[in-house]
Amino acid sequence: MATKNDFQNLYEIDCSKNVEAKGKFNYLSWAHAWRWLKLRHPEATYTVYKNSDGWNYHTDGRTAWVECGVTVNGLEHIEHLPILNFQNKAQKLETVDSMAVNTAIKRCVTKAIGLHGLGLYLYEGEDLPDVPTWDDAQPNMRGEYIARIIKACDKKDDVDAVENYRDLTQAQKDDVWKEFNPEQQQYLRAELASSAVTNAKHKYKKKEKVA
């Protein structure tokens, strides 16, 4: 019988009760993320990487960013995050202060934790441009997708459930998620995690063959 790996176990944790909305973005508080991680992996650690001058942030002379790594069971994932203003835009170097650096570090650690699986679904699609949630020319599109995904979840049809859900943009996923009951959400989350692990293994094997 197959066993779940660390990534899948963390990905399947439901963090929705700890998610905070700020503007059009959703955030998982670093304190909640760290608590969830340490409860599952007490040995987990994080590192803030400093520049050659010993500063806890990096700069190109115009803007600034932080670099943090999180290690779980000997595996480190490193994330970079620009130091942002209240509009979520990169600050100019001359406006960066210690509070902004500290906030960026905490958010960067949270995103590095996400690379291990915890709350990763919150970031899916964040690098895509904004698009309308639904196409007005297809008024039944939302209902049809919801019906197909619910039917697939109830029938335990993992392929149909995952493929239909992944057809949606992030905005559409956010919109339809509330239409699923807790059992359907749990099933879909588990199958998405399982599919992500399978795809990662497949890509790794392809790289091995190329090498």
Protein backbone atom coordinates (compact mmCIF):
# COMPACT_ATOMS: atom_id res chain seq x y z
CA MET A 1 0.00 0.00 0.00
CA ALA A 2 1.37 3.37 -1.03
CA THR A 3 2.15 5.87 1.72
CA LYS A 4 1.83 9.62 1.48
CA ASN A 5 4.99 11.71 1.38
CA ASP A 6 5.68 14.88 3.36
CA PHE A 7 4.54 17.14 0.53
CA GLN A 8 1.19 15.42 0.12
CA ASN A 9 0.51 15.34 3.87
CA LEU A 10 1.16 19.08 4.16
CA TYR A 11 -0.73 19.95 0.96
CA GLU A 12 -3.87 18.25 2.24
CA ILE A 13 -4.06 20.34 5.41
CA ASP A 14 -7.09 22.64 5.26
CA CYS A 15 -5.76 26.12 6.11
CA SER A 16 -8.91 27.94 5.04
CA LYS A 17 -9.89 28.95 8.58
CA ASN A 18 -6.55 30.73 8.97
CA VAL A 19 -6.60 32.56 5.63
CA GLU A 20 -6.96 36.34 5.71
CA ALA A 21 -8.16 38.43 2.78
CA LYS A 22 -6.38 41.71 2.09
CA GLY A 23 -7.62 43.49 -0.98
CA LYS A 24 -7.85 40.93 -3.80
CA PHE A 25 -5.21 38.67 -2.24
CA ASN A 26 -5.53 35.84 0.27
CA TYR A 27 -2.82 35.27 2.88
CA LEU A 28 -1.95 32.54 5.32
CA SER A 29 -0.48 34.19 8.41
CA TRP A 30 3.14 33.20 8.99
CA ALA A 31 2.31 32.30 12.61
CA HIS A 32 -0.39 29.85 11.55
CA ALA A 33 1.83 28.42 8.80
CA TRP A 34 4.73 27.90 11.20
CA ARG A 35 2.44 26.35 13.82
CA TRP A 36 0.98 23.87 11.32
CA LEU A 37 4.44 22.96 10.06
CA LYS A 38 6.00 22.48 13.50
CA LEU A 39 3.08 20.36 14.68
CA ARG A 40 3.73 17.96 11.80
CA HIS A 41 7.52 18.38 11.64
CA PRO A 42 9.02 19.54 14.97
CA GLU A 43 12.52 19.39 13.46
CA ALA A 44 11.69 21.97 10.75
CA THR A 45 13.88 25.09 10.62
CA TYR A 46 14.05 28.28 8.59
CA THR A 47 16.98 30.42 7.49
CA VAL A 48 17.12 34.10 6.52
CA TYR A 49 19.93 34.51 3.99
CA LYS A 50 21.95 37.71 4.40
CA ASN A 51 23.93 39.59 1.78
CA SER A 52 27.71 39.97 1.74
CA ASP A 53 27.46 42.94 4.12
CA GLY A 54 25.47 40.99 6.68
CA TRP A 55 22.16 42.72 5.93
CA ASN A 56 19.01 40.62 6.14
CA TYR A 57 17.87 41.84 2.73
CA HIS A 58 19.35 42.17 -0.74
CA THR A 59 19.30 45.06 -3.21
CA ASP A 60 20.19 45.92 -6.78
CA GLY A 61 20.40 49.62 -5.89
CA ARG A 62 16.83 50.31 -6.99
CA THR A 63 14.58 47.88 -5.10
CA ALA A 64 15.10 45.24 -2.41
CA TRP A 65 14.13 41.66 -1.63
CA VAL A 66 14.61 38.96 0.98
CA GLU A 67 15.70 35.35 0.63
CA CYS A 68 14.54 32.66 3.04
CA GLY A 69 14.78 28.88 3.19
CA VAL A 70 12.72 26.31 5.07
CA THR A 71 14.10 22.84 5.77
CA VAL A 72 11.87 19.82 6.43
CA ASN A 73 13.40 16.38 6.93
CA GLY A 74 16.69 17.58 5.46
CA LEU A 75 15.10 19.07 2.32
CA GLU A 76 15.40 22.86 1.96
CA HIS A 77 13.23 24.99 -0.29
CA ILE A 78 14.41 28.57 -0.83
CA GLU A 79 12.07 31.42 -1.74
CA HIS A 80 12.69 35.04 -2.74
CA LEU A 81 10.25 37.87 -2.11
CA PRO A 82 10.44 41.54 -3.04
CA ILE A 83 9.89 44.04 -0.24
CA LEU A 84 6.45 45.42 -1.02
CA ASN A 85 4.42 48.48 -0.13
CA PHE A 86 0.77 48.50 0.97
CA GLN A 87 -0.28 48.24 -2.70
CA ASN A 88 1.73 45.03 -3.11
CA LYS A 89 4.22 46.75 -5.41
CA ALA A 90 7.99 46.66 -4.98
CA GLN A 91 9.28 49.47 -2.77
CA LYS A 92 12.05 51.75 -3.95
CA LEU A 93 15.22 51.21 -1.98
CA GLU A 94 15.08 54.62 -0.32
CA THR A 95 11.66 53.84 1.21
CA VAL A 96 12.61 50.46 2.69
CA ASP A 97 12.61 50.35 6.50
CA SER A 98 13.12 47.63 9.11
CA MET A 99 9.37 47.01 9.47
CA ALA A 100 8.99 46.39 5.74
CA VAL A 101 11.97 44.01 5.81
CA ASN A 102 10.53 42.08 8.77
CA THR A 103 7.14 41.76 7.08
CA ALA A 104 8.77 40.54 3.86
CA ILE A 105 10.80 37.93 5.76
CA LYS A 106 7.71 36.52 7.45
CA ARG A 107 5.81 36.36 4.16
CA CYS A 108 8.82 34.83 2.42
CA VAL A 109 9.10 32.11 5.09
CA THR A 110 5.39 31.38 4.62
CA LYS A 111 5.88 30.99 0.85
CA ALA A 112 8.90 28.74 1.42
CA ILE A 113 6.71 26.62 3.69
CA GLY A 114 4.23 26.53 0.81
CA LEU A 115 6.86 24.91 -1.41
CA HIS A 116 6.77 22.00 1.02
CA GLY A 117 3.02 21.75 0.40
CA LEU A 118 1.34 23.64 3.24
CA GLY A 119 -1.08 26.21 1.82
CA LEU A 120 0.45 25.92 -1.65
CA TYR A 121 -2.98 26.03 -3.27
CA LEU A 122 -3.29 29.65 -2.11
CA TYR A 123 -0.54 30.65 -4.53
CA GLU A 124 -1.67 28.63 -7.54
CA GLY A 125 -2.24 31.01 -10.44
CA GLU A 126 -0.95 34.13 -8.65
CA ASP A 127 1.58 34.69 -11.46
CA LEU A 128 -1.17 34.82 -14.09
CA PRO A 129 -2.71 38.08 -15.37
CA ASP A 130 -6.17 39.06 -14.17
CA VAL A 131 -8.95 37.82 -16.44
CA PRO A 132 -12.74 37.97 -16.14
CA THR A 133 -13.99 35.27 -13.78
CA TRP A 134 -16.51 33.84 -16.26
CA ASP A 135 -17.22 34.34 -19.96
CA ASP A 136 -20.51 36.21 -20.39
CA ALA A 137 -20.93 34.49 -23.75
CA GLN A 138 -21.22 31.14 -21.91
CA PRO A 139 -23.74 31.80 -19.10
CA ASN A 140 -24.04 28.10 -18.17
CA MET A 141 -20.30 27.52 -17.93
CA ARG A 142 -20.05 27.97 -14.14
CA GLY A 143 -22.92 25.64 -13.32
CA GLU A 144 -21.72 22.99 -15.75
CA TYR A 145 -18.22 22.90 -14.24
CA ILE A 146 -19.61 22.74 -10.70
CA ALA A 147 -21.93 19.88 -11.65
CA ARG A 148 -19.15 17.91 -13.39
CA ILE A 149 -16.72 18.31 -10.49
CA ILE A 150 -19.33 17.40 -7.86
CA LYS A 151 -20.37 14.34 -9.86
CA ALA A 152 -16.74 13.24 -10.26
CA CYS A 153 -16.02 13.72 -6.54
CA ASP A 154 -19.11 11.79 -5.49
CA LYS A 155 -18.22 8.95 -7.89
CA LYS A 156 -14.56 9.04 -6.72
CA ASP A 157 -13.52 9.67 -10.32
CA ASP A 158 -10.14 11.26 -9.60
CA VAL A 159 -9.19 11.90 -13.24
CA ASP A 160 -12.41 13.71 -14.13
CA ALA A 161 -12.41 15.71 -10.88
CA VAL A 162 -8.81 16.89 -11.23
CA GLU A 163 -8.98 17.64 -14.97
CA ASN A 164 -12.19 19.67 -14.70
CA TYR A 165 -10.90 21.64 -11.72
CA ARG A 166 -7.56 22.36 -13.39
CA ASP A 167 -9.36 23.67 -16.47
CA LEU A 168 -10.45 26.65 -14.37
CA THR A 169 -8.54 29.87 -13.78
CA GLN A 170 -7.58 30.69 -10.19
CA ALA A 171 -10.42 33.20 -9.95
CA GLN A 172 -12.88 30.55 -11.14
CA LYS A 173 -11.49 28.01 -8.66
CA ASP A 174 -11.92 30.49 -5.83
CA ASP A 175 -15.49 31.16 -6.97
CA VAL A 176 -16.64 27.53 -7.23
CA TRP A 177 -14.82 26.13 -4.18
CA LYS A 178 -17.56 27.25 -1.81
CA GLU A 179 -20.09 25.20 -3.81
CA PHE A 180 -18.48 21.91 -2.72
CA ASN A 181 -19.32 20.29 0.60
CA PRO A 182 -16.48 19.43 3.06
CA GLU A 183 -16.23 15.81 1.86
CA GLN A 184 -15.96 16.91 -1.78
CA GLN A 185 -13.37 19.57 -0.88
CA GLN A 186 -11.30 17.01 1.04
CA TYR A 187 -11.45 14.50 -1.82
CA LEU A 188 -10.54 17.10 -4.43
CA ARG A 189 -7.66 18.47 -2.34
CA ALA A 190 -6.27 14.96 -1.81
CA GLU A 191 -6.48 14.05 -5.50
CA LEU A 192 -4.88 17.34 -6.58
CA ALA A 193 -2.00 16.63 -4.20
CA SER A 194 -1.66 13.07 -5.46
CA SER A 195 -1.66 14.27 -9.06
CA ALA A 196 0.97 16.92 -8.29
CA VAL A 197 3.25 14.27 -6.75
CA THR A 198 2.78 11.94 -9.74
CA ASN A 199 3.59 14.73 -12.21
CA ALA A 200 6.69 15.71 -10.24
CA LYS A 201 7.95 12.11 -10.27
CA HIS A 202 7.27 11.88 -14.00
CA LYS A 203 9.24 15.07 -14.72
CA TYR A 204 12.12 13.81 -12.56
CA LYS A 205 12.28 10.53 -14.49
CA LYS A 206 12.27 12.44 -17.79
CA LYS A 207 15.20 14.53 -16.57
CA GLU A 208 17.06 11.35 -15.58
CA LYS A 209 16.60 9.94 -19.08
CA VAL A 210 17.84 13.16 -20.68
CA ALA A 211 20.90 13.17 -18.41
